[in-house]
Amino acid sequence: MCVFVQKAAVDRVLSAFRSICGEDCVSLGEAVREQHGKDESVHKCRPPDVVVFPRCVEEVSSLAKVCHDHNLPIIPFGTGTGLEGGVGAVKGGVCFSLRNMEQILDLHQEDFDVTVEPGVTRKTLNAYLRDTGLWFPVDPGADASLCGMAATSASGTNAVRYGTMRENVMNLEVVLSNGTVIHTAGKGRRPRKTSAGYNLTNLFVGSEGTLGIITKTTLRLYGIPESMVSAVCSFPSVQAAVDSTVQILQAGVPVARIEFLDDVMIDACNKFSSLSYPVTPTLFLEFHGSERSLEEQVATAEEITQSNEGSDFQWAQDAETRNRLWKARHDAWYAAQALRPGCKAYSTDVCVPLSRLPQIIVETKKDLLESRLTGPIAGHVGDGNFHCLMVVDPNDPDELHRVHLFTERLAR
């Protein structure tokens, strides 16, 4: 346990935890602690001192009060799919693993909203909604916890059409560090406006567990589109691909997804996912709507891409082909790592005005070459956001130093 807590106090704390949620829901086991001390990132495991598994908000509140009284750090844990090391217990403390809170509550089909607990993932929710004609579109790739997605203000490939978590969370139930339970928009409320009172909901969206533990989130839902069409298009340059993106958005085409992969990333995806796309800057696109509207969207997008020397336009309307295409995009993280077996991927995440995107990508690729680093690029190009996925040998101090200097320059 934390060095400043004496054994008698340790025993009292553990006894209090067990009285709240039961013997089986408190773990000191090394394997369990290590499982909860890391995510998918390059950062080394920083295990907590103890892991608790609350089953309801009342237990979360009571456990938080004990931690508050004994000045113990609290680390909320959802699915561990993060890429930034946010679950590492850098000062020890207590991990609140929320997987046992897995109920889907209060589905209001006519109002297009639903409330879920932290153990519910986005794929679980969409499977539950399948027969209702509704879906939740925010898709960061991983099958993440929806409350965790709220805590990290997750984005994803659909953000250009449907927004990020910030635009899709209507209310949150949050347990503060002292155990107080609050509802950011009022208990049981599902407002679509935030003009009355403080916008507390968006204070907690993106707070990454630093302001409280999210125990329920109320989400906007959408009607499942009548039809979906996906496409892949290759370009001779980054400039041509981004120019196409800007022009498609300016033309008012309601594109659902528009993703950019540079030549290094498309090569990695080809190898990892057994694809055969040209190894050049590439756009992945998707359109949602009625059959008639899709014909117009597709025709406009194809005309714009061709005017920017886009080629090898490949369309896919059947679900199996579309899913395979987007799985390849979502597997980019693992595809990048596979470029250098035994290495780890280190995520970067930057956003600039759309007009500046070609410049920063060109400068980034030049910096990578000069720094002798591997960093394939993929991005939610519709909003000027991209990830340079650094593939690094964690046992090479010189390479780690060069990566650190590079990411500093990239952010600046």
Protein backbone atom coordinates (compact mmCIF):
# COMPACT_ATOMS: atom_id res chain seq x y z
CA MET A 1 0.00 0.00 0.00
CA CYS A 2 1.00 3.69 -0.14
CA VAL A 3 3.98 4.25 2.13
CA PHE A 4 2.27 6.99 4.12
CA VAL A 5 -0.55 4.71 5.21
CA GLN A 6 0.33 2.60 8.25
CA LYS A 7 -0.69 -1.04 8.45
CA ALA A 8 -3.52 -0.44 10.93
CA ALA A 9 -4.97 2.18 8.63
CA VAL A 10 -4.55 -0.20 5.68
CA ASP A 11 -6.53 -2.87 7.47
CA ARG A 12 -9.27 -0.36 8.32
CA VAL A 13 -9.49 0.80 4.72
CA LEU A 14 -9.66 -2.73 3.32
CA SER A 15 -12.22 -3.71 5.95
CA ALA A 16 -14.32 -0.69 4.99
CA PHE A 17 -14.08 -1.59 1.28
CA ARG A 18 -15.16 -5.18 1.96
CA SER A 19 -18.08 -4.07 4.11
CA ILE A 20 -19.30 -1.88 1.25
CA CYS A 21 -19.01 -4.21 -1.75
CA GLY A 22 -18.13 -7.65 -0.36
CA GLU A 23 -15.00 -9.76 -0.11
CA ASP A 24 -15.13 -10.85 -3.77
CA CYS A 25 -15.19 -7.25 -5.02
CA VAL A 26 -11.89 -6.18 -3.42
CA SER A 27 -8.65 -7.50 -4.92
CA LEU A 28 -5.03 -7.19 -3.85
CA GLY A 29 -3.87 -9.83 -6.35
CA GLU A 30 -0.81 -8.88 -8.37
CA ALA A 31 -2.25 -10.07 -11.68
CA VAL A 32 -5.49 -8.12 -11.17
CA ARG A 33 -3.62 -4.98 -10.14
CA GLU A 34 -1.30 -5.20 -13.15
CA GLN A 35 -4.28 -5.73 -15.47
CA HIS A 36 -5.71 -2.45 -14.19
CA GLY A 37 -2.42 -0.54 -14.28
CA LYS A 38 -2.06 -0.28 -18.06
CA ASP A 39 -3.99 0.29 -21.27
CA GLU A 40 -3.13 -0.18 -24.97
CA SER A 41 -0.46 2.52 -24.90
CA VAL A 42 3.33 2.33 -24.87
CA HIS A 43 3.43 3.50 -21.24
CA LYS A 44 4.66 0.96 -18.69
CA CYS A 45 2.31 -0.64 -16.19
CA ARG A 46 1.69 1.41 -13.03
CA PRO A 47 -0.53 -0.87 -10.92
CA PRO A 48 -2.81 0.49 -8.19
CA ASP A 49 -2.50 -0.76 -4.60
CA VAL A 50 -5.96 -2.30 -4.63
CA VAL A 51 -8.78 -2.81 -7.14
CA VAL A 52 -12.45 -2.55 -6.14
CA PHE A 53 -15.41 -3.68 -8.25
CA PRO A 54 -18.51 -1.67 -7.25
CA ARG A 55 -21.91 -2.79 -8.58
CA CYS A 56 -23.97 0.41 -8.22
CA VAL A 57 -23.60 4.15 -7.74
CA GLU A 58 -24.25 3.83 -3.99
CA GLU A 59 -21.22 1.56 -3.64
CA VAL A 60 -19.09 3.91 -5.76
CA SER A 61 -20.13 6.79 -3.52
CA SER A 62 -19.38 4.92 -0.27
CA LEU A 63 -16.00 3.71 -1.57
CA ALA A 64 -15.09 7.24 -2.67
CA LYS A 65 -15.92 8.57 0.81
CA VAL A 66 -13.49 6.07 2.36
CA CYS A 67 -10.76 7.11 -0.10
CA HIS A 68 -11.48 10.77 0.60
CA ASP A 69 -11.27 10.27 4.37
CA HIS A 70 -7.88 8.53 4.01
CA ASN A 71 -6.49 10.79 1.29
CA LEU A 72 -6.17 7.92 -1.23
CA PRO A 73 -5.92 8.50 -5.00
CA ILE A 74 -8.82 7.15 -7.09
CA ILE A 75 -8.37 5.82 -10.63
CA PRO A 76 -11.59 5.00 -12.59
CA PHE A 77 -11.19 2.07 -15.02
CA GLY A 78 -13.54 1.13 -17.87
CA THR A 79 -12.23 -1.25 -20.56
CA GLY A 80 -8.54 -0.30 -20.65
CA THR A 81 -8.67 0.50 -24.39
CA GLY A 82 -7.12 3.98 -24.04
CA LEU A 83 -3.96 4.91 -25.91
CA GLU A 84 -2.54 7.57 -23.56
CA GLY A 85 -1.74 5.72 -20.32
CA GLY A 86 -4.50 7.51 -18.41
CA VAL A 87 -5.25 4.54 -16.12
CA GLY A 88 -1.73 4.27 -14.72
CA ALA A 89 -1.70 4.65 -10.93
CA VAL A 90 1.31 6.98 -10.81
CA LYS A 91 0.89 7.52 -7.05
CA GLY A 92 -0.64 4.17 -6.17
CA GLY A 93 -4.12 4.29 -4.70
CA VAL A 94 -7.42 2.61 -5.47
CA CYS A 95 -8.64 1.54 -8.91
CA PHE A 96 -12.43 1.58 -9.33
CA SER A 97 -13.09 -1.08 -11.98
CA LEU A 98 -16.61 -0.38 -13.24
CA ARG A 99 -17.22 -3.49 -15.34
CA ASN A 100 -19.92 -4.84 -12.99
CA MET A 101 -22.13 -1.83 -13.70
CA GLU A 102 -23.40 -2.94 -17.10
CA GLN A 103 -27.07 -2.04 -17.38
CA ILE A 104 -28.70 -0.27 -20.31
CA LEU A 105 -31.33 1.96 -18.71
CA ASP A 106 -34.17 4.20 -19.84
CA LEU A 107 -34.25 3.74 -23.61
CA HIS A 108 -36.61 6.37 -25.08
CA GLN A 109 -37.01 5.46 -28.74
CA GLU A 110 -39.39 8.31 -29.46
CA ASP A 111 -36.94 10.82 -27.97
CA PHE A 112 -33.82 9.27 -29.48
CA ASP A 113 -31.89 8.85 -26.22
CA VAL A 114 -30.71 6.19 -23.80
CA THR A 115 -28.94 6.02 -20.43
CA VAL A 116 -26.17 3.49 -19.78
CA GLU A 117 -23.84 2.46 -16.96
CA PRO A 118 -20.01 2.36 -17.28
CA GLY A 119 -19.76 -1.35 -18.09
CA VAL A 120 -21.73 -0.89 -21.33
CA THR A 121 -19.57 -0.64 -24.46
CA ARG A 122 -20.58 0.98 -27.73
CA LYS A 123 -20.84 -2.38 -29.56
CA THR A 124 -23.01 -3.79 -26.77
CA LEU A 125 -25.32 -0.78 -27.00
CA ASN A 126 -25.62 -0.95 -30.79
CA ALA A 127 -26.36 -4.69 -30.62
CA TYR A 128 -29.10 -3.92 -28.07
CA LEU A 129 -30.52 -1.20 -30.34
CA ARG A 130 -30.43 -3.29 -33.51
CA ASP A 131 -34.19 -3.97 -33.69
CA THR A 132 -35.22 -0.40 -32.78
CA GLY A 133 -33.99 1.30 -35.96
CA LEU A 134 -31.62 3.42 -33.84
CA TRP A 135 -27.84 3.46 -33.34
CA PHE A 136 -25.10 5.35 -31.52
CA PRO A 137 -22.56 6.49 -34.14
CA VAL A 138 -19.52 7.76 -32.19
CA ASP A 139 -16.88 5.19 -33.13
CA PRO A 140 -13.29 5.56 -31.82
CA GLY A 141 -12.41 2.12 -33.18
CA ALA A 142 -12.01 0.18 -29.95
CA ASP A 143 -15.05 -1.35 -28.25
CA ALA A 144 -14.72 1.19 -25.45
CA SER A 145 -16.93 1.83 -22.44
CA LEU A 146 -19.43 4.58 -23.25
CA CYS A 147 -18.83 6.31 -19.91
CA GLY A 148 -15.10 6.06 -20.59
CA MET A 149 -15.70 7.60 -24.01
CA ALA A 150 -17.51 10.47 -22.26
CA ALA A 151 -14.66 10.85 -19.77
CA THR A 152 -12.10 11.09 -22.60
CA SER A 153 -14.34 13.08 -24.99
CA ALA A 154 -13.80 10.37 -27.60
CA SER A 155 -14.03 11.16 -31.28
CA GLY A 156 -13.85 8.77 -34.22
CA THR A 157 -14.43 8.21 -37.89
CA ASN A 158 -18.08 9.37 -37.83
CA ALA A 159 -17.34 12.70 -36.11
CA VAL A 160 -17.56 14.78 -39.30
CA ARG A 161 -21.28 13.91 -39.61
CA TYR A 162 -22.44 13.09 -36.05
CA GLY A 163 -19.96 14.95 -33.84
CA THR A 164 -17.82 13.70 -30.95
CA MET A 165 -18.93 12.63 -27.47
CA ARG A 166 -19.10 16.31 -26.52
CA GLU A 167 -22.03 16.80 -28.90
CA ASN A 168 -23.77 13.54 -27.97
CA VAL A 169 -23.79 13.42 -24.15
CA MET A 170 -26.98 14.94 -22.67
CA ASN A 171 -26.56 14.19 -18.96
CA LEU A 172 -24.09 12.52 -16.62
CA GLU A 173 -24.33 10.98 -13.19
CA VAL A 174 -20.99 11.65 -11.49
CA VAL A 175 -19.54 10.66 -8.12
CA LEU A 176 -17.21 13.40 -6.90
CA SER A 177 -14.02 12.68 -4.95
CA ASN A 178 -15.78 13.05 -1.58
CA GLY A 179 -18.58 10.65 -2.57
CA THR A 180 -21.18 13.29 -3.46
CA VAL A 181 -23.41 12.18 -6.36
CA ILE A 182 -24.42 14.85 -8.89
CA HIS A 183 -26.41 14.87 -12.13
CA THR A 184 -24.96 17.42 -14.50
CA ALA A 185 -28.28 18.28 -16.19
CA GLY A 186 -30.57 17.36 -13.28
CA LYS A 187 -31.62 13.93 -12.09
CA GLY A 188 -33.52 12.01 -14.75
CA ARG A 189 -33.44 14.92 -17.18
CA ARG A 190 -32.74 14.59 -20.88
CA PRO A 191 -32.62 18.11 -22.27
CA ARG A 192 -31.29 18.84 -25.75
CA LYS A 193 -30.46 22.43 -24.81
CA THR A 194 -28.03 23.74 -22.19
CA SER A 195 -29.00 27.43 -22.08
CA ALA A 196 -30.45 27.27 -18.53
CA GLY A 197 -27.76 27.17 -15.87
CA TYR A 198 -24.15 26.12 -16.13
CA ASN A 199 -23.20 23.59 -18.81
CA LEU A 200 -21.80 21.14 -16.24
CA THR A 201 -22.15 18.19 -18.62
CA ASN A 202 -19.45 19.47 -20.93
CA LEU A 203 -17.24 20.31 -17.95
CA PHE A 204 -17.06 16.59 -17.17
CA VAL A 205 -16.91 15.37 -20.79
CA GLY A 206 -13.18 15.12 -21.40
CA SER A 207 -12.17 15.46 -17.74
CA GLU A 208 -10.50 12.01 -17.88
CA GLY A 209 -11.42 10.96 -14.35
CA THR A 210 -9.86 14.02 -12.72
CA LEU A 211 -13.13 15.65 -11.58
CA GLY A 212 -15.20 12.59 -10.70
CA ILE A 213 -16.26 9.06 -11.62
CA ILE A 214 -18.93 8.89 -14.33
CA THR A 215 -21.49 6.25 -13.30
CA LYS A 216 -24.20 6.93 -15.90
CA THR A 217 -24.33 8.75 -19.20
CA THR A 218 -27.39 9.76 -21.22
CA LEU A 219 -26.69 9.72 -24.95
CA ARG A 220 -28.27 10.98 -28.15
CA LEU A 221 -29.28 8.28 -30.61
CA TYR A 222 -29.83 8.47 -34.36
CA GLY A 223 -31.96 6.69 -36.92
CA ILE A 224 -30.06 3.98 -38.82
CA PRO A 225 -29.57 5.31 -42.38
CA GLU A 226 -31.58 3.68 -45.13
CA SER A 227 -28.39 3.06 -47.14
CA MET A 228 -24.63 3.38 -46.70
CA VAL A 229 -21.90 3.48 -49.32
CA SER A 230 -18.15 3.43 -48.67
CA ALA A 231 -15.30 4.30 -51.00
CA VAL A 232 -11.51 4.37 -51.21
CA CYS A 233 -9.66 6.83 -53.43
CA SER A 234 -5.92 7.28 -54.06
CA PHE A 235 -4.17 10.62 -54.69
CA PRO A 236 -0.78 11.72 -56.01
CA SER A 237 -0.15 14.01 -53.01
CA VAL A 238 -1.32 14.98 -49.53
CA GLN A 239 -2.39 18.35 -50.94
CA ALA A 240 -4.69 16.71 -53.52
CA ALA A 241 -6.33 14.50 -50.87
CA VAL A 242 -6.95 17.39 -48.46
CA ASP A 243 -8.14 19.69 -51.26
CA SER A 244 -10.72 17.04 -52.15
CA THR A 245 -11.85 16.89 -48.53
CA VAL A 246 -12.30 20.67 -48.29
CA GLN A 247 -14.17 20.83 -51.59
CA ILE A 248 -16.49 17.94 -50.66
CA LEU A 249 -17.40 19.72 -47.40
CA GLN A 250 -17.77 23.08 -49.17
CA ALA A 251 -20.12 21.47 -51.70
CA GLY A 252 -22.44 20.59 -48.82
CA VAL A 253 -22.08 16.84 -49.28
CA PRO A 254 -23.20 15.36 -45.92
CA VAL A 255 -20.29 12.90 -45.83
CA ALA A 256 -20.47 10.59 -42.79
CA ARG A 257 -16.81 9.62 -42.67
CA ILE A 258 -13.76 10.99 -44.45
CA GLU A 259 -10.43 9.56 -43.29
CA PHE A 260 -6.91 10.23 -44.54
CA LEU A 261 -4.07 7.67 -44.58
CA ASP A 262 -0.61 8.58 -45.81
CA ASP A 263 1.49 6.27 -47.99
CA VAL A 264 3.26 4.68 -45.01
CA MET A 265 -0.01 3.94 -43.24
CA ILE A 266 -1.77 2.55 -46.32
CA ASP A 267 1.25 0.27 -46.90
CA ALA A 268 1.01 -0.93 -43.28
CA CYS A 269 -2.76 -1.54 -43.61
CA ASN A 270 -2.23 -3.42 -46.89
CA LYS A 271 0.24 -5.77 -45.20
CA PHE A 272 -1.70 -6.19 -41.96
CA SER A 273 -5.21 -6.54 -43.43
CA SER A 274 -4.26 -8.31 -46.71
CA LEU A 275 -5.36 -5.42 -48.93
CA SER A 276 -3.95 -4.19 -52.23
CA TYR A 277 -4.57 -0.43 -52.35
CA PRO A 278 -2.00 1.77 -54.17
CA VAL A 279 0.68 2.98 -51.74
CA THR A 280 -0.13 6.68 -52.04
CA PRO A 281 -2.04 9.23 -49.91
CA THR A 282 -5.55 7.79 -49.64
CA LEU A 283 -9.03 8.84 -48.54
CA PHE A 284 -11.58 6.45 -47.01
CA LEU A 285 -15.11 7.88 -47.36
CA GLU A 286 -18.61 6.87 -46.34
CA PHE A 287 -22.02 8.32 -47.18
CA HIS A 288 -25.33 7.76 -45.36
CA GLY A 289 -28.85 8.50 -46.58
CA SER A 290 -31.61 7.38 -48.91
CA GLU A 291 -30.85 5.57 -52.16
CA ARG A 292 -31.58 8.70 -54.21
CA SER A 293 -29.55 11.07 -51.99
CA LEU A 294 -26.61 8.67 -52.05
CA GLU A 295 -26.51 8.72 -55.84
CA GLU A 296 -26.13 12.53 -55.73
CA GLN A 297 -23.55 12.45 -52.90
CA VAL A 298 -21.46 9.80 -54.63
CA ALA A 299 -21.56 11.56 -58.01
CA THR A 300 -20.50 14.89 -56.50
CA ALA A 301 -17.70 13.34 -54.43
CA GLU A 302 -16.37 11.35 -57.39
CA GLU A 303 -16.37 14.44 -59.61
CA ILE A 304 -14.45 16.44 -56.98
CA THR A 305 -11.86 13.74 -56.36
CA GLN A 306 -11.27 13.26 -60.09
CA SER A 307 -10.72 17.01 -60.48
CA ASN A 308 -7.91 16.63 -57.91
CA GLU A 309 -6.32 13.69 -59.76
CA GLY A 310 -7.93 11.11 -57.51
CA SER A 311 -7.86 7.62 -59.01
CA ASP A 312 -8.61 3.97 -58.30
CA PHE A 313 -12.02 4.93 -56.86
CA GLN A 314 -13.45 1.75 -55.34
CA TRP A 315 -17.06 1.69 -54.09
CA ALA A 316 -18.63 -0.74 -51.62
CA GLN A 317 -22.31 -0.87 -50.68
CA ASP A 318 -22.75 -4.35 -49.20
CA ALA A 319 -22.23 -4.48 -45.42
CA GLU A 320 -19.52 -7.15 -45.52
CA THR A 321 -17.21 -5.20 -47.84
CA ARG A 322 -17.85 -1.92 -46.00
CA ASN A 323 -17.12 -3.53 -42.64
CA ARG A 324 -13.89 -5.03 -43.98
CA LEU A 325 -12.81 -1.64 -45.29
CA TRP A 326 -13.45 0.15 -41.99
CA LYS A 327 -11.97 -2.68 -39.96
CA ALA A 328 -8.75 -2.09 -41.90
CA ARG A 329 -8.91 1.60 -40.93
CA HIS A 330 -9.65 0.80 -37.28
CA ASP A 331 -6.79 -1.73 -37.22
CA ALA A 332 -4.33 1.01 -38.22
CA TRP A 333 -2.91 1.05 -34.67
CA TYR A 334 -2.00 -2.63 -34.87
CA ALA A 335 -0.93 -2.32 -38.50
CA ALA A 336 1.52 0.41 -37.51
CA GLN A 337 2.98 -1.74 -34.71
CA ALA A 338 3.36 -4.65 -37.12
CA LEU A 339 5.76 -2.57 -39.25
CA ARG A 340 8.37 -3.21 -36.55
CA PRO A 341 7.72 -6.46 -34.65
CA GLY A 342 8.60 -6.16 -30.97
CA CYS A 343 8.08 -2.41 -30.94
CA LYS A 344 5.27 -0.37 -29.39
CA ALA A 345 3.04 2.33 -30.87
CA TYR A 346 3.01 5.77 -29.29
CA SER A 347 -0.03 7.89 -30.13
CA THR A 348 0.04 11.55 -31.03
CA ASP A 349 -3.07 13.62 -31.68
CA VAL A 350 -3.05 17.11 -33.19
CA CYS A 351 -5.65 19.35 -34.77
CA VAL A 352 -5.20 22.42 -36.97
CA PRO A 353 -7.47 24.54 -39.18
CA LEU A 354 -8.36 22.46 -42.22
CA SER A 355 -6.54 24.81 -44.61
CA ARG A 356 -3.25 24.22 -42.75
CA LEU A 357 -3.49 20.42 -42.77
CA PRO A 358 -1.42 19.77 -45.93
CA GLN A 359 1.39 21.99 -44.63
CA ILE A 360 1.64 20.33 -41.22
CA ILE A 361 1.48 16.81 -42.68
CA VAL A 362 4.25 17.60 -45.19
CA GLU A 363 6.36 19.17 -42.41
CA THR A 364 5.68 16.21 -40.13
CA LYS A 365 6.77 13.67 -42.75
CA LYS A 366 9.96 15.68 -43.40
CA ASP A 367 10.68 15.79 -39.65
CA LEU A 368 10.15 12.01 -39.38
CA LEU A 369 12.72 11.36 -42.13
CA GLU A 370 15.27 13.73 -40.59
CA SER A 371 14.71 12.21 -37.13
CA ARG A 372 15.03 8.63 -38.46
CA LEU A 373 11.65 7.68 -37.01
CA THR A 374 8.75 5.50 -38.17
CA GLY A 375 5.43 7.35 -37.93
CA PRO A 376 2.57 6.43 -40.26
CA ILE A 377 -0.20 9.04 -40.37
CA ALA A 378 -3.98 8.58 -40.20
CA GLY A 379 -6.49 11.29 -39.54
CA HIS A 380 -10.10 12.41 -39.18
CA VAL A 381 -9.33 14.80 -41.97
CA GLY A 382 -12.85 16.29 -42.03
CA ASP A 383 -12.03 18.37 -38.95
CA GLY A 384 -8.29 18.89 -39.42
CA ASN A 385 -7.31 16.18 -36.92
CA PHE A 386 -4.62 13.57 -37.48
CA HIS A 387 -2.62 10.96 -35.59
CA CYS A 388 1.05 10.28 -36.25
CA LEU A 389 1.43 6.79 -34.78
CA MET A 390 5.03 6.57 -33.62
CA VAL A 391 6.44 3.02 -33.73
CA VAL A 392 9.22 2.92 -31.17
CA ASP A 393 11.52 0.41 -29.49
CA PRO A 394 10.83 0.97 -25.77
CA ASN A 395 14.26 -0.50 -24.94
CA ASP A 396 16.19 2.00 -27.09
CA PRO A 397 16.88 5.16 -25.00
CA ASP A 398 18.22 7.10 -28.00
CA GLU A 399 15.10 6.40 -30.08
CA LEU A 400 12.82 7.25 -27.16
CA HIS A 401 14.65 10.57 -26.79
CA ARG A 402 14.23 11.33 -30.52
CA VAL A 403 10.52 10.46 -30.31
CA HIS A 404 10.11 12.77 -27.30
CA LEU A 405 11.77 15.69 -29.12
CA PHE A 406 9.72 14.98 -32.27
CA THR A 407 6.38 14.92 -30.42
CA GLU A 408 7.28 18.20 -28.69
CA ARG A 409 7.88 19.82 -32.09
CA LEU A 410 4.73 18.26 -33.54
CA ALA A 411 2.55 19.65 -30.76
CA ARG A 412 4.10 23.10 -30.97
